[in-house]
Amino acid sequence: MCFLRDDYLYMRTTSDKRILIGGRDEDFCNPAKRDKLIEKKKKQLVKDFKKIFPAIEFIPEFTWTGTFGETKDGLPFIGSYAPLPNSYFALGFGGNGITFSVIAAQIITDLIEGKENKDASIFSFDRV
């Protein structure tokens, strides 16, 4: 399975006065080859940061890589899954994790409480 590139750059600060920067994603089919790009990507991201904020010193302390996968329709799977009774799932958030996690919490809470949720079918496992 191959994963597709989503070209973007993001930055944010943390509560302990650090800066998190990421992006410059690559298409890949081989995780080992993807992991070999970490050093090159680190240098590119530092360069991107310095271009935007030349007066701020940026020294990377940690580097990592990850995988984004998504469903055919771009929506996560949320809810119960027939082959695994008494289980609830919230899978495939991609770049919209904060939004979809709130939706997942609402849907799963309603399912556990036996309430109908009008949005559950949008994210169900049998929709695709």
N, C-alpha and C. Protein backbone atom coordinates (compact mmCIF):
# COMPACT_ATOMS: atom_id res chain seq x y z
N MET A 1 0.84 -1.18 0.00
CA MET A 1 0.00 0.00 0.00
C MET A 1 0.89 1.24 0.00
N CYS A 2 0.56 2.21 -0.81
CA CYS A 2 1.30 3.46 -0.88
C CYS A 2 0.52 4.56 -0.19
N PHE A 3 1.22 5.52 0.34
CA PHE A 3 0.59 6.66 0.99
C PHE A 3 0.95 7.91 0.21
N LEU A 4 0.01 8.81 0.08
CA LEU A 4 0.18 9.97 -0.78
C LEU A 4 0.68 11.19 -0.04
N ARG A 5 1.36 12.02 -0.77
CA ARG A 5 1.93 13.25 -0.26
C ARG A 5 0.84 14.29 -0.01
N ASP A 6 0.98 15.01 1.07
CA ASP A 6 0.10 16.13 1.39
C ASP A 6 1.04 17.26 1.78
N ASP A 7 1.32 18.16 0.85
CA ASP A 7 2.36 19.16 1.02
C ASP A 7 1.88 20.31 1.92
N TYR A 8 2.45 20.45 3.05
CA TYR A 8 2.11 21.53 3.96
C TYR A 8 3.25 21.75 4.95
N LEU A 9 3.15 22.85 5.68
CA LEU A 9 4.11 23.17 6.72
C LEU A 9 3.30 23.66 7.91
N TYR A 10 3.62 23.18 9.10
CA TYR A 10 2.92 23.68 10.28
C TYR A 10 3.92 23.94 11.40
N MET A 11 3.54 24.85 12.27
CA MET A 11 4.34 25.17 13.46
C MET A 11 3.39 25.51 14.60
N ARG A 12 3.83 25.18 15.81
CA ARG A 12 3.09 25.60 17.00
C ARG A 12 4.04 25.61 18.18
N THR A 13 3.65 26.34 19.19
CA THR A 13 4.46 26.38 20.41
C THR A 13 3.89 25.39 21.42
N THR A 14 4.71 25.06 22.40
CA THR A 14 4.28 24.17 23.46
C THR A 14 4.29 24.94 24.78
N SER A 15 3.69 24.38 25.81
CA SER A 15 3.60 25.06 27.10
C SER A 15 4.97 25.24 27.75
N ASP A 16 5.97 24.43 27.36
CA ASP A 16 7.31 24.58 27.93
C ASP A 16 8.23 25.40 27.02
N LYS A 17 7.63 26.25 26.20
CA LYS A 17 8.34 27.23 25.36
C LYS A 17 9.22 26.59 24.29
N ARG A 18 8.73 25.51 23.74
CA ARG A 18 9.39 24.88 22.60
C ARG A 18 8.57 25.18 21.35
N ILE A 19 9.13 24.84 20.22
CA ILE A 19 8.43 25.01 18.95
C ILE A 19 8.40 23.66 18.25
N LEU A 20 7.23 23.28 17.82
CA LEU A 20 7.04 22.05 17.07
C LEU A 20 6.81 22.45 15.62
N ILE A 21 7.56 21.85 14.71
CA ILE A 21 7.43 22.16 13.29
C ILE A 21 7.38 20.85 12.52
N GLY A 22 6.56 20.82 11.50
CA GLY A 22 6.43 19.61 10.70
C GLY A 22 5.86 19.89 9.34
N GLY A 23 5.74 18.84 8.58
CA GLY A 23 5.22 18.94 7.23
C GLY A 23 6.22 18.40 6.23
N ARG A 24 6.16 18.94 5.00
CA ARG A 24 7.02 18.48 3.91
C ARG A 24 6.87 16.97 3.70
N ASP A 25 5.63 16.51 3.75
CA ASP A 25 5.36 15.08 3.60
C ASP A 25 5.77 14.57 2.23
N GLU A 26 6.02 13.30 2.17
CA GLU A 26 6.44 12.62 0.94
C GLU A 26 5.52 11.44 0.67
N ASP A 27 5.33 11.14 -0.62
CA ASP A 27 4.68 9.89 -0.98
C ASP A 27 5.64 8.75 -0.61
N PHE A 28 5.10 7.65 -0.14
CA PHE A 28 5.98 6.52 0.13
C PHE A 28 5.22 5.22 0.11
N CYS A 29 5.94 4.17 -0.18
CA CYS A 29 5.42 2.80 -0.11
C CYS A 29 6.27 1.94 0.81
N ASN A 30 7.43 2.45 1.18
CA ASN A 30 8.39 1.68 1.94
C ASN A 30 8.79 2.46 3.19
N PRO A 31 8.34 2.03 4.37
CA PRO A 31 8.65 2.76 5.60
C PRO A 31 10.14 2.93 5.88
N ALA A 32 10.97 1.96 5.49
CA ALA A 32 12.41 2.08 5.72
C ALA A 32 12.99 3.24 4.90
N LYS A 33 12.56 3.37 3.65
CA LYS A 33 13.02 4.49 2.83
C LYS A 33 12.50 5.82 3.38
N ARG A 34 11.27 5.82 3.85
CA ARG A 34 10.70 7.02 4.46
C ARG A 34 11.54 7.45 5.66
N ASP A 35 11.90 6.50 6.50
CA ASP A 35 12.67 6.81 7.71
C ASP A 35 14.06 7.35 7.38
N LYS A 36 14.62 6.95 6.25
CA LYS A 36 15.95 7.44 5.85
C LYS A 36 15.91 8.93 5.48
N LEU A 37 14.73 9.47 5.27
CA LEU A 37 14.59 10.88 4.90
C LEU A 37 14.57 11.82 6.11
N ILE A 38 14.57 11.28 7.32
CA ILE A 38 14.40 12.10 8.51
C ILE A 38 15.45 13.21 8.59
N GLU A 39 16.70 12.90 8.41
CA GLU A 39 17.76 13.92 8.53
C GLU A 39 17.59 15.02 7.48
N LYS A 40 17.31 14.64 6.25
CA LYS A 40 17.09 15.61 5.18
C LYS A 40 15.88 16.50 5.49
N LYS A 41 14.81 15.89 5.95
CA LYS A 41 13.60 16.65 6.28
C LYS A 41 13.85 17.59 7.44
N LYS A 42 14.62 17.14 8.42
CA LYS A 42 14.95 18.00 9.56
C LYS A 42 15.64 19.26 9.07
N LYS A 43 16.62 19.10 8.22
CA LYS A 43 17.35 20.27 7.69
C LYS A 43 16.43 21.19 6.90
N GLN A 44 15.53 20.62 6.11
CA GLN A 44 14.59 21.44 5.35
C GLN A 44 13.65 22.22 6.26
N LEU A 45 13.16 21.56 7.31
CA LEU A 45 12.23 22.22 8.24
C LEU A 45 12.92 23.33 9.03
N VAL A 46 14.16 23.10 9.43
CA VAL A 46 14.93 24.16 10.11
C VAL A 46 15.11 25.35 9.17
N LYS A 47 15.44 25.07 7.93
CA LYS A 47 15.60 26.14 6.93
C LYS A 47 14.28 26.90 6.74
N ASP A 48 13.17 26.18 6.67
CA ASP A 48 11.86 26.82 6.54
C ASP A 48 11.59 27.74 7.73
N PHE A 49 11.90 27.24 8.93
CA PHE A 49 11.68 28.04 10.13
C PHE A 49 12.51 29.32 10.10
N LYS A 50 13.80 29.17 9.79
CA LYS A 50 14.70 30.33 9.78
C LYS A 50 14.30 31.36 8.72
N LYS A 51 13.71 30.89 7.64
CA LYS A 51 13.25 31.82 6.61
C LYS A 51 12.10 32.67 7.12
N ILE A 52 11.21 32.06 7.89
CA ILE A 52 10.05 32.78 8.43
C ILE A 52 10.41 33.58 9.67
N PHE A 53 11.28 33.03 10.52
CA PHE A 53 11.66 33.67 11.79
C PHE A 53 13.18 33.74 11.91
N PRO A 54 13.83 34.59 11.13
CA PRO A 54 15.30 34.61 11.11
C PRO A 54 15.94 35.01 12.44
N ALA A 55 15.24 35.72 13.29
CA ALA A 55 15.83 36.20 14.55
C ALA A 55 15.69 35.19 15.69
N ILE A 56 14.99 34.09 15.46
CA ILE A 56 14.77 33.10 16.53
C ILE A 56 15.67 31.89 16.28
N GLU A 57 16.46 31.55 17.30
CA GLU A 57 17.32 30.38 17.20
C GLU A 57 16.46 29.12 17.29
N PHE A 58 16.71 28.18 16.41
CA PHE A 58 15.94 26.94 16.40
C PHE A 58 16.91 25.77 16.35
N ILE A 59 16.95 25.01 17.44
CA ILE A 59 17.83 23.85 17.54
C ILE A 59 16.96 22.61 17.75
N PRO A 60 16.90 21.73 16.75
CA PRO A 60 16.07 20.53 16.90
C PRO A 60 16.57 19.62 18.02
N GLU A 61 15.65 19.17 18.86
CA GLU A 61 15.99 18.22 19.92
C GLU A 61 15.50 16.82 19.60
N PHE A 62 14.39 16.72 18.87
CA PHE A 62 13.80 15.43 18.54
C PHE A 62 13.35 15.45 17.09
N THR A 63 13.46 14.32 16.44
CA THR A 63 12.93 14.17 15.08
C THR A 63 12.22 12.84 14.98
N TRP A 64 11.19 12.79 14.16
CA TRP A 64 10.47 11.55 13.96
C TRP A 64 9.72 11.63 12.64
N THR A 65 9.18 10.51 12.26
CA THR A 65 8.35 10.45 11.06
C THR A 65 7.11 9.63 11.39
N GLY A 66 6.09 9.85 10.64
CA GLY A 66 4.85 9.13 10.87
C GLY A 66 4.15 8.85 9.55
N THR A 67 3.06 8.14 9.66
CA THR A 67 2.30 7.75 8.48
C THR A 67 0.88 8.27 8.59
N PHE A 68 0.43 8.88 7.53
CA PHE A 68 -0.97 9.29 7.44
C PHE A 68 -1.65 8.36 6.45
N GLY A 69 -2.73 7.79 6.84
CA GLY A 69 -3.56 7.01 5.93
C GLY A 69 -4.95 7.58 6.00
N GLU A 70 -5.70 7.36 4.97
CA GLU A 70 -7.07 7.85 5.02
C GLU A 70 -7.99 6.90 4.26
N THR A 71 -9.26 7.00 4.55
CA THR A 71 -10.25 6.17 3.89
C THR A 71 -10.54 6.73 2.50
N LYS A 72 -11.23 5.95 1.68
CA LYS A 72 -11.56 6.38 0.32
C LYS A 72 -12.36 7.67 0.30
N ASP A 73 -13.23 7.85 1.28
CA ASP A 73 -14.06 9.06 1.30
C ASP A 73 -13.52 10.17 2.21
N GLY A 74 -12.36 9.93 2.83
CA GLY A 74 -11.73 10.95 3.66
C GLY A 74 -12.30 11.08 5.06
N LEU A 75 -13.26 10.26 5.40
CA LEU A 75 -13.87 10.32 6.73
C LEU A 75 -13.37 9.18 7.61
N PRO A 76 -13.32 9.39 8.91
CA PRO A 76 -12.90 8.31 9.80
C PRO A 76 -14.00 7.27 9.97
N PHE A 77 -13.62 6.13 10.52
CA PHE A 77 -14.58 5.12 10.93
C PHE A 77 -14.83 5.32 12.41
N ILE A 78 -16.09 5.50 12.78
CA ILE A 78 -16.46 5.72 14.18
C ILE A 78 -17.66 4.85 14.49
N GLY A 79 -17.58 4.11 15.58
CA GLY A 79 -18.73 3.33 16.03
C GLY A 79 -18.40 1.89 16.28
N SER A 80 -19.44 1.07 16.24
CA SER A 80 -19.27 -0.36 16.49
C SER A 80 -18.92 -1.07 15.19
N TYR A 81 -18.31 -2.23 15.35
CA TYR A 81 -17.88 -3.03 14.21
C TYR A 81 -18.38 -4.45 14.47
N ALA A 82 -19.30 -4.92 13.62
CA ALA A 82 -20.02 -6.18 13.85
C ALA A 82 -19.12 -7.37 14.23
N PRO A 83 -17.98 -7.59 13.54
CA PRO A 83 -17.15 -8.76 13.91
C PRO A 83 -16.55 -8.69 15.32
N LEU A 84 -16.57 -7.51 15.94
CA LEU A 84 -16.03 -7.38 17.30
C LEU A 84 -17.09 -6.77 18.21
N PRO A 85 -18.03 -7.58 18.66
CA PRO A 85 -19.11 -7.06 19.51
C PRO A 85 -18.58 -6.49 20.82
N ASN A 86 -19.33 -5.57 21.37
CA ASN A 86 -18.99 -4.90 22.64
C ASN A 86 -17.72 -4.07 22.53
N SER A 87 -17.42 -3.62 21.33
CA SER A 87 -16.25 -2.77 21.10
C SER A 87 -16.69 -1.55 20.30
N TYR A 88 -16.00 -0.44 20.53
CA TYR A 88 -16.27 0.79 19.80
C TYR A 88 -14.95 1.33 19.27
N PHE A 89 -15.00 1.94 18.09
CA PHE A 89 -13.78 2.37 17.42
C PHE A 89 -13.88 3.82 16.97
N ALA A 90 -12.73 4.48 16.96
CA ALA A 90 -12.58 5.82 16.41
C ALA A 90 -11.25 5.78 15.65
N LEU A 91 -11.32 5.58 14.33
CA LEU A 91 -10.13 5.29 13.52
C LEU A 91 -10.02 6.21 12.31
N GLY A 92 -8.80 6.59 11.96
CA GLY A 92 -8.56 7.27 10.69
C GLY A 92 -8.81 8.75 10.69
N PHE A 93 -8.33 9.45 11.70
CA PHE A 93 -8.59 10.88 11.79
C PHE A 93 -7.78 11.74 10.84
N GLY A 94 -6.60 11.28 10.44
CA GLY A 94 -5.77 12.08 9.55
C GLY A 94 -5.45 13.45 10.13
N GLY A 95 -5.49 14.48 9.31
CA GLY A 95 -5.16 15.82 9.75
C GLY A 95 -6.29 16.54 10.47
N ASN A 96 -7.42 15.89 10.65
CA ASN A 96 -8.57 16.51 11.31
C ASN A 96 -8.88 15.84 12.64
N GLY A 97 -7.85 15.42 13.33
CA GLY A 97 -8.03 14.64 14.56
C GLY A 97 -8.81 15.33 15.64
N ILE A 98 -8.58 16.61 15.83
CA ILE A 98 -9.29 17.31 16.91
C ILE A 98 -10.79 17.34 16.62
N THR A 99 -11.14 17.70 15.41
CA THR A 99 -12.56 17.76 15.05
C THR A 99 -13.21 16.39 15.11
N PHE A 100 -12.58 15.40 14.47
CA PHE A 100 -13.19 14.08 14.43
C PHE A 100 -13.19 13.39 15.80
N SER A 101 -12.25 13.72 16.66
CA SER A 101 -12.26 13.09 17.99
C SER A 101 -13.45 13.56 18.82
N VAL A 102 -13.84 14.81 18.66
CA VAL A 102 -15.03 15.32 19.36
C VAL A 102 -16.28 14.62 18.84
N ILE A 103 -16.38 14.50 17.51
CA ILE A 103 -17.51 13.79 16.90
C ILE A 103 -17.54 12.35 17.38
N ALA A 104 -16.37 11.69 17.40
CA ALA A 104 -16.29 10.30 17.85
C ALA A 104 -16.75 10.17 19.30
N ALA A 105 -16.34 11.08 20.15
CA ALA A 105 -16.74 11.03 21.56
C ALA A 105 -18.26 11.13 21.69
N GLN A 106 -18.86 12.00 20.91
CA GLN A 106 -20.32 12.16 20.97
C GLN A 106 -21.03 10.91 20.46
N ILE A 107 -20.58 10.38 19.32
CA ILE A 107 -21.22 9.19 18.75
C ILE A 107 -21.07 7.99 19.67
N ILE A 108 -19.87 7.74 20.14
CA ILE A 108 -19.63 6.56 20.98
C ILE A 108 -20.35 6.68 22.31
N THR A 109 -20.38 7.87 22.88
CA THR A 109 -21.14 8.06 24.13
C THR A 109 -22.61 7.72 23.91
N ASP A 110 -23.18 8.21 22.81
CA ASP A 110 -24.59 7.90 22.52
C ASP A 110 -24.79 6.40 22.33
N LEU A 111 -23.89 5.74 21.61
CA LEU A 111 -24.02 4.29 21.40
C LEU A 111 -23.98 3.53 22.72
N ILE A 112 -23.05 3.89 23.59
CA ILE A 112 -22.94 3.23 24.88
C ILE A 112 -24.19 3.44 25.73
N GLU A 113 -24.74 4.65 25.64
CA GLU A 113 -25.94 4.98 26.42
C GLU A 113 -27.22 4.51 25.75
N GLY A 114 -27.09 3.86 24.59
CA GLY A 114 -28.27 3.36 23.89
C GLY A 114 -29.10 4.43 23.20
N LYS A 115 -28.52 5.59 22.98
CA LYS A 115 -29.23 6.69 22.31
C LYS A 115 -28.94 6.67 20.81
N GLU A 116 -29.87 7.16 20.04
CA GLU A 116 -29.65 7.29 18.60
C GLU A 116 -28.81 8.54 18.35
N ASN A 117 -27.87 8.43 17.43
CA ASN A 117 -27.06 9.58 17.04
C ASN A 117 -27.26 9.78 15.54
N LYS A 118 -27.76 10.95 15.15
CA LYS A 118 -28.11 11.20 13.75
C LYS A 118 -26.90 11.20 12.82
N ASP A 119 -25.70 11.36 13.36
CA ASP A 119 -24.50 11.39 12.53
C ASP A 119 -23.76 10.06 12.45
N ALA A 120 -24.18 9.08 13.23
CA ALA A 120 -23.45 7.81 13.31
C ALA A 120 -23.31 7.13 11.96
N SER A 121 -24.33 7.18 11.13
CA SER A 121 -24.26 6.48 9.84
C SER A 121 -23.25 7.10 8.90
N ILE A 122 -22.97 8.39 9.06
CA ILE A 122 -21.99 9.06 8.21
C ILE A 122 -20.60 8.44 8.38
N PHE A 123 -20.30 7.98 9.60
CA PHE A 123 -18.96 7.48 9.93
C PHE A 123 -18.93 5.96 10.16
N SER A 124 -20.01 5.27 9.84
CA SER A 124 -20.10 3.83 10.13
C SER A 124 -19.17 3.01 9.24
N PHE A 125 -18.85 1.82 9.71
CA PHE A 125 -17.96 0.91 8.97
C PHE A 125 -18.61 0.39 7.69
N ASP A 126 -19.93 0.36 7.63
CA ASP A 126 -20.59 -0.19 6.44
C ASP A 126 -20.98 0.89 5.42
N ARG A 127 -20.45 2.10 5.54
CA ARG A 127 -20.81 3.16 4.60
C ARG A 127 -20.08 3.03 3.26
N VAL A 128 -18.93 2.37 3.25
CA VAL A 128 -18.16 2.25 1.99
C VAL A 128 -18.09 0.80 1.54
